[in-house]
């Protein structure tokens, strides 16, 4: 390691994050010389690009603006590619958002796992960190990153039992693991998430019967699996925690709030927006016998706007008693129902009222300053193709506002 790398590291550690203008050129040079591209033994290519210095004040913004595209600093400032159920996890001082995509590499389509980070969760505060290119096409989605509490290894978990592990940090070499075959042949993996509790981590997955080639919605079944102590595969002797029929529910996600476990999911609707449901219990096992209840939206759901014009993906507790609802939109997958101008992500305040999750639409809000007990929310607008601000349309030469 050169003296310049050491100097930049010490400077950033001792508070240079906001005021490092004089170090812009040296730190950028030090970082650019450390970009890596690795092909590992499991046919995974890992490349990383650290963002340029100095750090700007917008990277510390806690302001979230919905109904617009979100961009990541670095990697040519492209739009954030974290759709298809990418989750956000806090590791140390940063929040990490993991998403997926695909690209052509030497004429072959491969999966990409993208990692972004933010220190403040503002919608313009995200920085591109690294990508993992997996040469074996596995349709990677629903990814998230967790760090093992004792082994300190970093794990990226995706649907279809695609697990990556790095033992040398987030910018290290992630290796694709090869878990044992799924115990349910003919059953496809639907939306997947992972719930960590201490040293234990659980895979939460909606599955459906695909033995005849197409997912049968009425066969949707919820499974919760316990992973082994190393987080590399299902537990060898007691993997299945719960299983129950859960028709028309997908993208399941588990949180614990107080003494209650909450299992939240979206209603199956293809790429369209849909209602959000939950059930709660005082143990994971008891969720199987709980009752479905609809998450309360403000304004309430209508035929035109459901779940703030999105599909539910997860709840996120930023600091104690400050929660947000996170949903996805799919303008690239269903152009008839979504307008790409209004973005692919929704983040809006969430409050538990007598144990019931209430979500409040805010076109723009500061998650740190917002009063979560105020029940303050904005009105909805509908522009004809999904959620949007008022849309101007010329009709019979008269300018009208479509709502």
Foldseek 3Di string as FASTA:
>chain_A
DDPLCVVVVVCVVVPCQAPVPVCQVSVQVVQVVPWDWDQDPQRKTKTWHDAGDRHHPVLQFLKAFFQAFFFAGPPVRHTDAAPQQWDWDDDPQKIKTWHKDWDADPNAIWIKIWIWIGNRPYSHNIHTTIIMTHRPHDPWGNWYWDAQPPQRWIWIATPPRWIWIDSPDPNGDTDTADEDDDPDPQKGWFAWYWDDDHQKIKIWTWIAGCNVPDGDQQRTKIWIFICDSVNRYTHPPGTTDEMAGDGQWGQWDWDDDVQKIKIKTFGDDPQFATWIWIWIDNDPHCSRVTDIDTAAEVVGDDPQDHPNQFGWRDWDDPDPQQIKTKGFHCCPVCVQQDDPRRYTMDIFTWGQDVNGIYTAADSMDRSVPDDNVPSDHDDWFGDNRTTHDFDWDQDPNDTDTHD
